[in-house]
Amino acid sequence: MALALNVFKTVTSVVGLSTVGIYTAPVGYSGVVLLASCTNTGDSAFDITFNHKRTTAGIAVTTELLKDYPIPANDTINMLTGKLILESGDVLEIRCDDILESRIKFIGSILETLN
């Protein structure tokens, strides 16, 4: 069976206190992150951390794209100013300081393209 040349994905997640992987570029594909935004539905500001993680030769390197960045109450932020290319196995991670773990919501649009 032939693999699809291009696949569009929408990734959603409710963001919590623990750093979690929200997307991993699949084997054989590169991921092009077209949109990455977070919404704060709460009554106060929360800080968000958004990372890119790549493991090469068994060594994981985490690059913070946003670190402890405040999202005002009832507001949305765009977490990228352009596109981000993810190679096979690269991971997007996210966390926030919302103790209820329900008021920060992530949405991303990703184009997976066959290598």
PDB file of N, CA and C in Angstrom:
ATOM      1  N   MET A   1       0.844  -1.181   0.000  1.00  0.00           N
ATOM      2  CA  MET A   1       0.000   0.000   0.000  1.00  0.00           C
ATOM      3  C   MET A   1       0.885   1.238   0.000  1.00  0.00           C
ATOM      4  N   ALA A   2       0.602   2.162  -0.885  1.00  0.00           N
ATOM      5  CA  ALA A   2       1.388   3.395  -0.997  1.00  0.00           C
ATOM      6  C   ALA A   2       1.041   4.355   0.134  1.00  0.00           C
ATOM      7  N   LEU A   3       2.071   5.046   0.624  1.00  0.00           N
ATOM      8  CA  LEU A   3       1.865   6.053   1.655  1.00  0.00           C
ATOM      9  C   LEU A   3       1.379   7.349   1.024  1.00  0.00           C
ATOM     10  N   ALA A   4       0.552   8.092   1.749  1.00  0.00           N
ATOM     11  CA  ALA A   4       0.061   9.375   1.260  1.00  0.00           C
ATOM     12  C   ALA A   4       1.213  10.372   1.189  1.00  0.00           C
ATOM     13  N   LEU A   5       1.235  11.171   0.120  1.00  0.00           N
ATOM     14  CA  LEU A   5       2.286  12.164  -0.061  1.00  0.00           C
ATOM     15  C   LEU A   5       2.179  13.283   0.981  1.00  0.00           C
ATOM     16  N   ASN A   6       0.976  13.792   1.179  1.00  0.00           N
ATOM     17  CA  ASN A   6       0.727  14.865   2.147  1.00  0.00           C
ATOM     18  C   ASN A   6      -0.486  14.511   2.995  1.00  0.00           C
ATOM     19  N   VAL A   7      -0.358  14.723   4.298  1.00  0.00           N
ATOM     20  CA  VAL A   7      -1.456  14.461   5.230  1.00  0.00           C
ATOM     21  C   VAL A   7      -1.572  15.665   6.161  1.00  0.00           C
ATOM     22  N   PHE A   8      -2.759  16.265   6.221  1.00  0.00           N
ATOM     23  CA  PHE A   8      -2.997  17.370   7.144  1.00  0.00           C
ATOM     24  C   PHE A   8      -3.545  16.821   8.453  1.00  0.00           C
ATOM     25  N   LYS A   9      -3.024  17.322   9.568  1.00  0.00           N
ATOM     26  CA  LYS A   9      -3.455  16.887  10.895  1.00  0.00           C
ATOM     27  C   LYS A   9      -3.850  18.100  11.731  1.00  0.00           C
ATOM     28  N   THR A  10      -4.858  17.919  12.553  1.00  0.00           N
ATOM     29  CA  THR A  10      -5.191  18.888  13.588  1.00  0.00           C
ATOM     30  C   THR A  10      -4.924  18.211  14.923  1.00  0.00           C
ATOM     31  N   VAL A  11      -4.105  18.845  15.746  1.00  0.00           N
ATOM     32  CA  VAL A  11      -3.722  18.301  17.044  1.00  0.00           C
ATOM     33  C   VAL A  11      -4.330  19.194  18.118  1.00  0.00           C
ATOM     34  N   THR A  12      -5.038  18.584  19.067  1.00  0.00           N
ATOM     35  CA  THR A  12      -5.608  19.340  20.187  1.00  0.00           C
ATOM     36  C   THR A  12      -5.196  18.696  21.494  1.00  0.00           C
ATOM     37  N   SER A  13      -5.123  19.508  22.538  1.00  0.00           N
ATOM     38  CA  SER A  13      -4.755  18.984  23.848  1.00  0.00           C
ATOM     39  C   SER A  13      -5.183  19.969  24.931  1.00  0.00           C
ATOM     40  N   VAL A  14      -5.624  19.425  26.053  1.00  0.00           N
ATOM     41  CA  VAL A  14      -5.804  20.227  27.259  1.00  0.00           C
ATOM     42  C   VAL A  14      -4.473  20.166  27.985  1.00  0.00           C
ATOM     43  N   VAL A  15      -3.925  21.329  28.326  1.00  0.00           N
ATOM     44  CA  VAL A  15      -2.559  21.416  28.841  1.00  0.00           C
ATOM     45  C   VAL A  15      -2.561  21.387  30.361  1.00  0.00           C
ATOM     46  N   GLY A  16      -1.632  20.608  30.919  1.00  0.00           N
ATOM     47  CA  GLY A  16      -1.558  20.468  32.369  1.00  0.00           C
ATOM     48  C   GLY A  16      -0.193  20.787  32.927  1.00  0.00           C
ATOM     49  N   LEU A  17       0.007  20.423  34.196  1.00  0.00           N
ATOM     50  CA  LEU A  17       1.238  20.723  34.914  1.00  0.00           C
ATOM     51  C   LEU A  17       2.442  19.927  34.429  1.00  0.00           C
ATOM     52  N   SER A  18       2.224  18.737  33.940  1.00  0.00           N
ATOM     53  CA  SER A  18       3.326  17.887  33.482  1.00  0.00           C
ATOM     54  C   SER A  18       3.655  18.182  32.026  1.00  0.00           C
ATOM     55  N   THR A  19       4.941  18.127  31.693  1.00  0.00           N
ATOM     56  CA  THR A  19       5.352  18.271  30.306  1.00  0.00           C
ATOM     57  C   THR A  19       4.979  16.998  29.559  1.00  0.00           C
ATOM     58  N   VAL A  20       4.205  17.160  28.480  1.00  0.00           N
ATOM     59  CA  VAL A  20       3.767  16.006  27.697  1.00  0.00           C
ATOM     60  C   VAL A  20       4.030  16.257  26.221  1.00  0.00           C
ATOM     61  N   GLY A  21       4.284  15.175  25.499  1.00  0.00           N
ATOM     62  CA  GLY A  21       4.419  15.252  24.047  1.00  0.00           C
ATOM     63  C   GLY A  21       3.040  15.322  23.423  1.00  0.00           C
ATOM     64  N   ILE A  22       2.809  16.334  22.605  1.00  0.00           N
ATOM     65  CA  ILE A  22       1.498  16.484  21.968  1.00  0.00           C
ATOM     66  C   ILE A  22       1.514  16.078  20.502  1.00  0.00           C
ATOM     67  N   TYR A  23       2.736  15.977  19.933  1.00  0.00           N
ATOM     68  CA  TYR A  23       2.848  15.529  18.548  1.00  0.00           C
ATOM     69  C   TYR A  23       4.254  14.991  18.323  1.00  0.00           C
ATOM     70  N   THR A  24       4.335  13.872  17.614  1.00  0.00           N
ATOM     71  CA  THR A  24       5.617  13.303  17.194  1.00  0.00           C
ATOM     72  C   THR A  24       5.557  13.086  15.692  1.00  0.00           C
ATOM     73  N   ALA A  25       6.548  13.615  14.975  1.00  0.00           N
ATOM     74  CA  ALA A  25       6.598  13.417  13.526  1.00  0.00           C
ATOM     75  C   ALA A  25       6.840  11.935  13.238  1.00  0.00           C
ATOM     76  N   PRO A  26       5.977  11.314  12.440  1.00  0.00           N
ATOM     77  CA  PRO A  26       6.093   9.872  12.200  1.00  0.00           C
ATOM     78  C   PRO A  26       7.296   9.513  11.331  1.00  0.00           C
ATOM     79  N   VAL A  27       7.707   8.269  11.422  1.00  0.00           N
ATOM     80  CA  VAL A  27       8.811   7.745  10.614  1.00  0.00           C
ATOM     81  C   VAL A  27       8.443   7.889   9.141  1.00  0.00           C
ATOM     82  N   GLY A  28       9.374   8.409   8.356  1.00  0.00           N
ATOM     83  CA  GLY A  28       9.159   8.565   6.927  1.00  0.00           C
ATOM     84  C   GLY A  28       8.513   9.877   6.523  1.00  0.00           C
ATOM     85  N   TYR A  29       8.140  10.679   7.496  1.00  0.00           N
ATOM     86  CA  TYR A  29       7.479  11.952   7.214  1.00  0.00           C
ATOM     87  C   TYR A  29       8.196  13.095   7.930  1.00  0.00           C
ATOM     88  N   SER A  30       8.110  14.274   7.346  1.00  0.00           N
ATOM     89  CA  SER A  30       8.469  15.510   8.039  1.00  0.00           C
ATOM     90  C   SER A  30       7.168  16.214   8.365  1.00  0.00           C
ATOM     91  N   GLY A  31       7.120  16.880   9.512  1.00  0.00           N
ATOM     92  CA  GLY A  31       5.933  17.629   9.890  1.00  0.00           C
ATOM     93  C   GLY A  31       6.206  19.114   9.742  1.00  0.00           C
ATOM     94  N   VAL A  32       5.297  19.811   9.089  1.00  0.00           N
ATOM     95  CA  VAL A  32       5.393  21.260   8.964  1.00  0.00           C
ATOM     96  C   VAL A  32       4.297  21.845   9.846  1.00  0.00           C
ATOM     97  N   VAL A  33       4.702  22.486  10.950  1.00  0.00           N
ATOM     98  CA  VAL A  33       3.727  23.080  11.861  1.00  0.00           C
ATOM     99  C   VAL A  33       3.290  24.407  11.253  1.00  0.00           C
ATOM    100  N   LEU A  34       2.020  24.470  10.868  1.00  0.00           N
ATOM    101  CA  LEU A  34       1.480  25.652  10.222  1.00  0.00           C
ATOM    102  C   LEU A  34       0.884  26.620  11.238  1.00  0.00           C
ATOM    103  N   LEU A  35       0.357  26.077  12.329  1.00  0.00           N
ATOM    104  CA  LEU A  35      -0.281  26.881  13.367  1.00  0.00           C
ATOM    105  C   LEU A  35      -0.088  26.187  14.692  1.00  0.00           C
ATOM    106  N   ALA A  36       0.206  26.959  15.726  1.00  0.00           N
ATOM    107  CA  ALA A  36       0.273  26.436  17.096  1.00  0.00           C
ATOM    108  C   ALA A  36      -0.216  27.560  17.999  1.00  0.00           C
ATOM    109  N   SER A  37      -1.380  27.353  18.618  1.00  0.00           N
ATOM    110  CA  SER A  37      -1.902  28.393  19.496  1.00  0.00           C
ATOM    111  C   SER A  37      -2.494  27.784  20.756  1.00  0.00           C
ATOM    112  N   CYS A  38      -2.528  28.608  21.801  1.00  0.00           N
ATOM    113  CA  CYS A  38      -3.106  28.210  23.081  1.00  0.00           C
ATOM    114  C   CYS A  38      -4.115  29.248  23.522  1.00  0.00           C
ATOM    115  N   THR A  39      -5.189  28.757  24.112  1.00  0.00           N
ATOM    116  CA  THR A  39      -6.236  29.616  24.642  1.00  0.00           C
ATOM    117  C   THR A  39      -6.340  29.422  26.142  1.00  0.00           C
ATOM    118  N   ASN A  40      -6.466  30.534  26.850  1.00  0.00           N
ATOM    119  CA  ASN A  40      -6.674  30.516  28.301  1.00  0.00           C
ATOM    120  C   ASN A  40      -8.137  30.849  28.546  1.00  0.00           C
ATOM    121  N   THR A  41      -8.906  29.874  29.003  1.00  0.00           N
ATOM    122  CA  THR A  41     -10.325  30.096  29.277  1.00  0.00           C
ATOM    123  C   THR A  41     -10.570  30.461  30.740  1.00  0.00           C
ATOM    124  N   GLY A  42      -9.495  30.615  31.503  1.00  0.00           N
ATOM    125  CA  GLY A  42      -9.607  30.921  32.933  1.00  0.00           C
ATOM    126  C   GLY A  42      -9.727  32.404  33.223  1.00  0.00           C
ATOM    127  N   ASP A  43      -9.855  32.715  34.521  1.00  0.00           N
ATOM    128  CA  ASP A  43     -10.028  34.085  34.992  1.00  0.00           C
ATOM    129  C   ASP A  43      -8.722  34.763  35.373  1.00  0.00           C
ATOM    130  N   SER A  44      -7.601  34.057  35.276  1.00  0.00           N
ATOM    131  CA  SER A  44      -6.302  34.654  35.595  1.00  0.00           C
ATOM    132  C   SER A  44      -5.263  34.167  34.587  1.00  0.00           C
ATOM    133  N   ALA A  45      -4.124  34.845  34.554  1.00  0.00           N
ATOM    134  CA  ALA A  45      -3.049  34.490  33.621  1.00  0.00           C
ATOM    135  C   ALA A  45      -2.369  33.200  34.063  1.00  0.00           C
ATOM    136  N   PHE A  46      -1.883  32.438  33.088  1.00  0.00           N
ATOM    137  CA  PHE A  46      -1.098  31.234  33.343  1.00  0.00           C
ATOM    138  C   PHE A  46       0.131  31.273  32.458  1.00  0.00           C
ATOM    139  N   ASP A  47       1.199  30.639  32.931  1.00  0.00           N
ATOM    140  CA  ASP A  47       2.443  30.569  32.165  1.00  0.00           C
ATOM    141  C   ASP A  47       2.511  29.247  31.415  1.00  0.00           C
ATOM    142  N   ILE A  48       2.987  29.317  30.173  1.00  0.00           N
ATOM    143  CA  ILE A  48       3.078  28.131  29.328  1.00  0.00           C
ATOM    144  C   ILE A  48       4.520  27.951  28.853  1.00  0.00           C
ATOM    145  N   THR A  49       4.923  26.685  28.725  1.00  0.00           N
ATOM    146  CA  THR A  49       6.212  26.339  28.137  1.00  0.00           C
ATOM    147  C   THR A  49       5.952  25.405  26.966  1.00  0.00           C
ATOM    148  N   PHE A  50       6.556  25.723  25.819  1.00  0.00           N
ATOM    149  CA  PHE A  50       6.352  25.000  24.566  1.00  0.00           C
ATOM    150  C   PHE A  50       7.728  24.634  24.029  1.00  0.00           C
ATOM    151  N   ASN A  51       7.994  23.327  23.857  1.00  0.00           N
ATOM    152  CA  ASN A  51       9.327  22.832  23.503  1.00  0.00           C
ATOM    153  C   ASN A  51       9.337  22.031  22.208  1.00  0.00           C
ATOM    154  N   HIS A  52      10.506  22.028  21.580  1.00  0.00           N
ATOM    155  CA  HIS A  52      10.841  21.108  20.494  1.00  0.00           C
ATOM    156  C   HIS A  52      11.879  20.149  21.069  1.00  0.00           C
ATOM    157  N   LYS A  53      11.696  18.837  20.884  1.00  0.00           N
ATOM    158  CA  LYS A  53      12.658  17.865  21.395  1.00  0.00           C
ATOM    159  C   LYS A  53      13.097  16.936  20.268  1.00  0.00           C
ATOM    160  N   ARG A  54      14.417  16.807  20.129  1.00  0.00           N
ATOM    161  CA  ARG A  54      15.000  15.911  19.134  1.00  0.00           C
ATOM    162  C   ARG A  54      15.999  15.003  19.832  1.00  0.00           C
ATOM    163  N   THR A  55      15.921  13.711  19.537  1.00  0.00           N
ATOM    164  CA  THR A  55      16.869  12.746  20.083  1.00  0.00           C
ATOM    165  C   THR A  55      17.773  12.256  18.961  1.00  0.00           C
ATOM    166  N   THR A  56      19.083  12.456  19.151  1.00  0.00           N
ATOM    167  CA  THR A  56      20.079  12.030  18.176  1.00  0.00           C
ATOM    168  C   THR A  56      21.127  11.206  18.900  1.00  0.00           C
ATOM    169  N   ALA A  57      21.379  10.014  18.410  1.00  0.00           N
ATOM    170  CA  ALA A  57      22.364   9.096  19.007  1.00  0.00           C
ATOM    171  C   ALA A  57      22.097   8.900  20.501  1.00  0.00           C
ATOM    172  N   GLY A  58      20.820   8.810  20.862  1.00  0.00           N
ATOM    173  CA  GLY A  58      20.435   8.562  22.245  1.00  0.00           C
ATOM    174  C   GLY A  58      20.472   9.777  23.154  1.00  0.00           C
ATOM    175  N   ILE A  59      20.802  10.936  22.621  1.00  0.00           N
ATOM    176  CA  ILE A  59      20.861  12.158  23.430  1.00  0.00           C
ATOM    177  C   ILE A  59      19.700  13.067  23.045  1.00  0.00           C
ATOM    178  N   ALA A  60      18.836  13.375  24.019  1.00  0.00           N
ATOM    179  CA  ALA A  60      17.686  14.244  23.783  1.00  0.00           C
ATOM    180  C   ALA A  60      18.083  15.691  24.008  1.00  0.00           C
ATOM    181  N   VAL A  61      17.770  16.520  23.027  1.00  0.00           N
ATOM    182  CA  VAL A  61      18.013  17.960  23.138  1.00  0.00           C
ATOM    183  C   VAL A  61      16.661  18.655  23.098  1.00  0.00           C
ATOM    184  N   THR A  62      16.352  19.399  24.166  1.00  0.00           N
ATOM    185  CA  THR A  62      15.098  20.137  24.250  1.00  0.00           C
ATOM    186  C   THR A  62      15.385  21.610  24.004  1.00  0.00           C
ATOM    187  N   THR A  63      14.645  22.188  23.065  1.00  0.00           N
ATOM    188  CA  THR A  63      14.757  23.611  22.760  1.00  0.00           C
ATOM    189  C   THR A  63      13.446  24.279  23.115  1.00  0.00           C
ATOM    190  N   GLU A  64      13.503  25.230  24.029  1.00  0.00           N
ATOM    191  CA  GLU A  64      12.301  25.947  24.434  1.00  0.00           C
ATOM    192  C   GLU A  64      11.930  26.970  23.366  1.00  0.00           C
ATOM    193  N   LEU A  65      10.735  26.861  22.843  1.00  0.00           N
ATOM    194  CA  LEU A  65      10.215  27.852  21.905  1.00  0.00           C
ATOM    195  C   LEU A  65       9.547  28.987  22.679  1.00  0.00           C
ATOM    196  N   LEU A  66       8.877  28.634  23.767  1.00  0.00           N
ATOM    197  CA  LEU A  66       8.349  29.584  24.752  1.00  0.00           C
ATOM    198  C   LEU A  66       8.661  29.000  26.123  1.00  0.00           C
ATOM    199  N   LYS A  67       9.127  29.834  27.026  1.00  0.00           N
ATOM    200  CA  LYS A  67       9.428  29.347  28.374  1.00  0.00           C
ATOM    201  C   LYS A  67       8.748  30.249  29.391  1.00  0.00           C
ATOM    202  N   ASP A  68       7.846  29.654  30.185  1.00  0.00           N
ATOM    203  CA  ASP A  68       7.099  30.387  31.200  1.00  0.00           C
ATOM    204  C   ASP A  68       6.504  31.676  30.633  1.00  0.00           C
ATOM    205  N   TYR A  69       5.880  31.548  29.468  1.00  0.00           N
ATOM    206  CA  TYR A  69       5.286  32.685  28.771  1.00  0.00           C
ATOM    207  C   TYR A  69       3.857  32.891  29.273  1.00  0.00           C
ATOM    208  N   PRO A  70       3.511  34.090  29.722  1.00  0.00           N
ATOM    209  CA  PRO A  70       2.170  34.311  30.282  1.00  0.00           C
ATOM    210  C   PRO A  70       1.090  34.428  29.202  1.00  0.00           C
ATOM    211  N   ILE A  71      -0.008  33.738  29.441  1.00  0.00           N
ATOM    212  CA  ILE A  71      -1.202  33.901  28.611  1.00  0.00           C
ATOM    213  C   ILE A  71      -2.232  34.607  29.481  1.00  0.00           C
ATOM    214  N   PRO A  72      -2.648  35.821  29.113  1.00  0.00           N
ATOM    215  CA  PRO A  72      -3.638  36.537  29.915  1.00  0.00           C
ATOM    216  C   PRO A  72      -4.971  35.787  29.990  1.00  0.00           C
ATOM    217  N   ALA A  73      -5.760  36.124  30.996  1.00  0.00           N
ATOM    218  CA  ALA A  73      -7.090  35.520  31.157  1.00  0.00           C
ATOM    219  C   ALA A  73      -7.928  35.777  29.908  1.00  0.00           C
ATOM    220  N   ASN A  74      -8.691  34.765  29.518  1.00  0.00           N
ATOM    221  CA  ASN A  74      -9.612  34.862  28.381  1.00  0.00           C
ATOM    222  C   ASN A  74      -8.933  35.381  27.115  1.00  0.00           C
ATOM    223  N   ASP A  75      -7.756  34.866  26.831  1.00  0.00           N
ATOM    224  CA  ASP A  75      -7.001  35.314  25.664  1.00  0.00           C
ATOM    225  C   ASP A  75      -6.383  34.113  24.957  1.00  0.00           C
ATOM    226  N   THR A  76      -5.897  34.349  23.738  1.00  0.00           N
ATOM    227  CA  THR A  76      -5.244  33.327  22.932  1.00  0.00           C
ATOM    228  C   THR A  76      -3.907  33.863  22.447  1.00  0.00           C
ATOM    229  N   ILE A  77      -2.888  32.993  22.418  1.00  0.00           N
ATOM    230  CA  ILE A  77      -1.604  33.397  21.860  1.00  0.00           C
ATOM    231  C   ILE A  77      -1.240  32.476  20.702  1.00  0.00           C
ATOM    232  N   ASN A  78      -0.569  33.053  19.709  1.00  0.00           N
ATOM    233  CA  ASN A  78       0.014  32.279  18.624  1.00  0.00           C
ATOM    234  C   ASN A  78       1.437  31.976  19.053  1.00  0.00           C
ATOM    235  N   MET A  79       1.808  30.712  19.136  1.00  0.00           N
ATOM    236  CA  MET A  79       3.091  30.323  19.702  1.00  0.00           C
ATOM    237  C   MET A  79       4.222  30.281  18.681  1.00  0.00           C
ATOM    238  N   LEU A  80       3.917  30.442  17.405  1.00  0.00           N
ATOM    239  CA  LEU A  80       4.946  30.481  16.361  1.00  0.00           C
ATOM    240  C   LEU A  80       4.711  31.701  15.484  1.00  0.00           C
ATOM    241  N   THR A  81       5.797  32.348  15.057  1.00  0.00           N
ATOM    242  CA  THR A  81       5.665  33.478  14.144  1.00  0.00           C
ATOM    243  C   THR A  81       5.809  33.048  12.691  1.00  0.00           C
ATOM    244  N   GLY A  82       6.215  31.816  12.476  1.00  0.00           N
ATOM    245  CA  GLY A  82       6.349  31.255  11.133  1.00  0.00           C
ATOM    246  C   GLY A  82       6.102  29.767  11.197  1.00  0.00           C
ATOM    247  N   LYS A  83       6.587  29.057  10.211  1.00  0.00           N
ATOM    248  CA  LYS A  83       6.422  27.601  10.196  1.00  0.00           C
ATOM    249  C   LYS A  83       7.599  26.941  10.901  1.00  0.00           C
ATOM    250  N   LEU A  84       7.355  25.756  11.446  1.00  0.00           N
ATOM    251  CA  LEU A  84       8.390  24.967  12.109  1.00  0.00           C
ATOM    252  C   LEU A  84       8.430  23.601  11.455  1.00  0.00           C
ATOM    253  N   ILE A  85       9.626  23.177  11.025  1.00  0.00           N
ATOM    254  CA  ILE A  85       9.797  21.874  10.384  1.00  0.00           C
ATOM    255  C   ILE A  85      10.237  20.862  11.439  1.00  0.00           C
ATOM    256  N   LEU A  86       9.539  19.745  11.507  1.00  0.00           N
ATOM    257  CA  LEU A  86       9.879  18.660  12.417  1.00  0.00           C
ATOM    258  C   LEU A  86      10.329  17.466  11.590  1.00  0.00           C
ATOM    259  N   GLU A  87      11.513  16.970  11.879  1.00  0.00           N
ATOM    260  CA  GLU A  87      12.005  15.768  11.211  1.00  0.00           C
ATOM    261  C   GLU A  87      11.405  14.538  11.891  1.00  0.00           C
ATOM    262  N   SER A  88      11.467  13.405  11.222  1.00  0.00           N
ATOM    263  CA  SER A  88      10.928  12.160  11.788  1.00  0.00           C
ATOM    264  C   SER A  88      11.444  11.958  13.207  1.00  0.00           C
ATOM    265  N   GLY A  89      10.540  11.711  14.133  1.00  0.00           N
ATOM    266  CA  GLY A  89      10.896  11.466  15.529  1.00  0.00           C
ATOM    267  C   GLY A  89      10.934  12.705  16.401  1.00  0.00           C
ATOM    268  N   ASP A  90      10.946  13.908  15.812  1.00  0.00           N
ATOM    269  CA  ASP A  90      10.914  15.134  16.610  1.00  0.00           C
ATOM    270  C   ASP A  90       9.582  15.224  17.352  1.00  0.00           C
ATOM    271  N   VAL A  91       9.624  15.810  18.551  1.00  0.00           N
ATOM    272  CA  VAL A  91       8.436  15.881  19.410  1.00  0.00           C
ATOM    273  C   VAL A  91       8.160  17.322  19.800  1.00  0.00           C
ATOM    274  N   LEU A  92       6.884  17.711  19.774  1.00  0.00           N
ATOM    275  CA  LEU A  92       6.450  18.972  20.370  1.00  0.00           C
ATOM    276  C   LEU A  92       5.932  18.660  21.763  1.00  0.00           C
ATOM    277  N   GLU A  93       6.395  19.425  22.755  1.00  0.00           N
ATOM    278  CA  GLU A  93       5.974  19.220  24.147  1.00  0.00           C
ATOM    279  C   GLU A  93       5.381  20.514  24.681  1.00  0.00           C
ATOM    280  N   ILE A  94       4.507  20.357  25.673  1.00  0.00           N
ATOM    281  CA  ILE A  94       3.858  21.524  26.248  1.00  0.00           C
ATOM    282  C   ILE A  94       3.533  21.280  27.711  1.00  0.00           C
ATOM    283  N   ARG A  95       3.497  22.362  28.492  1.00  0.00           N
ATOM    284  CA  ARG A  95       3.027  22.318  29.883  1.00  0.00           C
ATOM    285  C   ARG A  95       2.630  23.724  30.292  1.00  0.00           C
ATOM    286  N   CYS A  96       1.888  23.828  31.405  1.00  0.00           N
ATOM    287  CA  CYS A  96       1.526  25.139  31.954  1.00  0.00           C
ATOM    288  C   CYS A  96       1.401  25.019  33.465  1.00  0.00           C
ATOM    289  N   ASP A  97       1.172  26.156  34.124  1.00  0.00           N
ATOM    290  CA  ASP A  97       1.093  26.151  35.585  1.00  0.00           C
ATOM    291  C   ASP A  97      -0.352  26.205  36.094  1.00  0.00           C
ATOM    292  N   ASP A  98      -1.298  25.732  35.298  1.00  0.00           N
ATOM    293  CA  ASP A  98      -2.711  25.672  35.687  1.00  0.00           C
ATOM    294  C   ASP A  98      -2.938  24.441  36.562  1.00  0.00           C
ATOM    295  N   ILE A  99      -3.137  24.659  37.861  1.00  0.00           N
ATOM    296  CA  ILE A  99      -3.274  23.518  38.776  1.00  0.00           C
ATOM    297  C   ILE A  99      -4.556  22.720  38.542  1.00  0.00           C
ATOM    298  N   LEU A 100      -5.564  23.333  37.946  1.00  0.00           N
ATOM    299  CA  LEU A 100      -6.786  22.593  37.639  1.00  0.00           C
ATOM    300  C   LEU A 100      -6.634  21.770  36.359  1.00  0.00           C
ATOM    301  N   GLU A 101      -5.597  22.091  35.573  1.00  0.00           N
ATOM    302  CA  GLU A 101      -5.290  21.366  34.339  1.00  0.00           C
ATOM    303  C   GLU A 101      -6.484  21.276  33.393  1.00  0.00           C
ATOM    304  N   SER A 102      -7.209  22.381  33.236  1.00  0.00           N
ATOM    305  CA  SER A 102      -8.354  22.342  32.336  1.00  0.00           C
ATOM    306  C   SER A 102      -8.596  23.662  31.610  1.00  0.00           C
ATOM    307  N   ARG A 103      -7.835  24.701  31.943  1.00  0.00           N
ATOM    308  CA  ARG A 103      -8.167  26.018  31.391  1.00  0.00           C
ATOM    309  C   ARG A 103      -7.279  26.452  30.225  1.00  0.00           C
ATOM    310  N   ILE A 104      -6.199  25.736  29.968  1.00  0.00           N
ATOM    311  CA  ILE A 104      -5.333  26.047  28.834  1.00  0.00           C
ATOM    312  C   ILE A 104      -5.534  24.966  27.778  1.00  0.00           C
ATOM    313  N   LYS A 105      -5.863  25.412  26.571  1.00  0.00           N
ATOM    314  CA  LYS A 105      -6.152  24.469  25.493  1.00  0.00           C
ATOM    315  C   LYS A 105      -5.269  24.789  24.287  1.00  0.00           C
ATOM    316  N   PHE A 106      -4.659  23.739  23.730  1.00  0.00           N
ATOM    317  CA  PHE A 106      -3.763  23.857  22.575  1.00  0.00           C
ATOM    318  C   PHE A 106      -4.463  23.366  21.322  1.00  0.00           C
ATOM    319  N   ILE A 107      -4.190  24.045  20.203  1.00  0.00           N
ATOM    320  CA  ILE A 107      -4.592  23.539  18.890  1.00  0.00           C
ATOM    321  C   ILE A 107      -3.452  23.807  17.917  1.00  0.00           C
ATOM    322  N   GLY A 108      -3.169  22.826  17.085  1.00  0.00           N
ATOM    323  CA  GLY A 108      -2.114  22.968  16.087  1.00  0.00           C
ATOM    324  C   GLY A 108      -2.545  22.364  14.774  1.00  0.00           C
ATOM    325  N   SER A 109      -2.059  22.965  13.686  1.00  0.00           N
ATOM    326  CA  SER A 109      -2.280  22.430  12.343  1.00  0.00           C
ATOM    327  C   SER A 109      -0.927  22.007  11.796  1.00  0.00           C
ATOM    328  N   ILE A 110      -0.847  20.763  11.354  1.00  0.00           N
ATOM    329  CA  ILE A 110       0.427  20.205  10.906  1.00  0.00           C
ATOM    330  C   ILE A 110       0.226  19.516   9.553  1.00  0.00           C
ATOM    331  N   LEU A 111       1.159  19.796   8.641  1.00  0.00           N
ATOM    332  CA  LEU A 111       1.198  19.115   7.356  1.00  0.00           C
ATOM    333  C   LEU A 111       2.310  18.086   7.422  1.00  0.00           C
ATOM    334  N   GLU A 112       1.944  16.810   7.329  1.00  0.00           N
ATOM    335  CA  GLU A 112       2.938  15.741   7.257  1.00  0.00           C
ATOM    336  C   GLU A 112       3.219  15.477   5.778  1.00  0.00           C
ATOM    337  N   THR A 113       4.499  15.539   5.420  1.00  0.00           N
ATOM    338  CA  THR A 113       4.863  15.318   4.023  1.00  0.00           C
ATOM    339  C   THR A 113       5.878  14.180   3.945  1.00  0.00           C
ATOM    340  N   LEU A 114       5.680  13.310   2.983  1.00  0.00           N
ATOM    341  CA  LEU A 114       6.497  12.113   2.821  1.00  0.00           C
ATOM    342  C   LEU A 114       7.926  12.498   2.501  1.00  0.00           C
ATOM    343  N   ASN A 115       8.885  11.878   3.200  1.00  0.00           N
ATOM    344  CA  ASN A 115      10.312  12.145   2.943  1.00  0.00           C
ATOM    345  C   ASN A 115      10.766  11.481   1.658  1.00  0.00           C
TER     346      ASN A 115
END
